Amino acid sequence: MSRRLTATLLVAAALLAGCTTTRTGGAAEPSDGPEETASSDPATDQADEGGDCQYVQNPAEPAPVGLPPDGDTDATTVTFRTSEGDMSIALADDVPCTVRSFVHLADSGFYDGTKCHRLTASAGLKVLQCGDPKGDGTGGPGYTIPDELPTNLPPAPSAGTGQELVTYAQGTVAMANAGPDTGGSQFFFVYGDSTLPPDYAVLGEVRDGMGILVAAAKAGVTAGASPEDGPPSLQVAFESATVS
């Protein structure tokens, strides 16, 4: 698929990465969630100090805007001008490394010209995934960011899976990844409460633009793909980003 989450869930099945496999939540079926496709051999990755954040450069992938700078950001909001209107994200204040990277990418124009490439519509996973420069779920910024995983999301029924499952509420914005410490540029908007393991850093929440997510969900997945996971029929493209 694309960059993906590695954990297997026994919840409603739905892919949440780019183009290949994913995981989600549902009942009694193995599934994936918001994922990005791994694109390099960890043995060849090079760690960068990044101040107190350990960003890891991926030599197999271009890093067009470089690594995030040292020092915390004072930004609280990122607003995307999209093909469907403006979308604003109120940034979380408890994931400094994740926010620093996201602000760096947005402010450097990394997301300009990209589009949301994946929509999931299963009972347990309702997200629109974006942030891939390749547009197919396999791209990233040329580095990965350390995990800052949520600890306060409400628990969801595990249905005897033996896995810890939580609810990512409607309006949440979280990072996709391909396993531990592999987050990059891909992120997802939750347009309906979704059941997942707490493996995705919560970047923030939608402040404005929920109507765009509702419209994308209503339009559904492109014909010919799985009705529950695939390219969205309504293509939401990012034109520019403003950090404030």
Foldseek 3Di string as FASTA:
>chain_A
DFFEADDWAQAWAEAAFFADAAAFGHHRDTYHHNGGNDDADVVPWAWDPLPVWTKIFGPRAAQVQDAQHHDFDPFQKKWFQKPVGIWMFGFDDQCRQVLSQQCSCQVSCVQAFWWFWKAFDTPAAGKTKTFAPVSGRHHFNRIWTADDWDDDAAWDDRNPRPATKGKDAQFWKWFHHNYGRGTGGMIIHHHHIHIDHRRIGTGGGIPDDSVVSVVQVVQAADPPDPRGMGGTPDMIGTRHMDTD
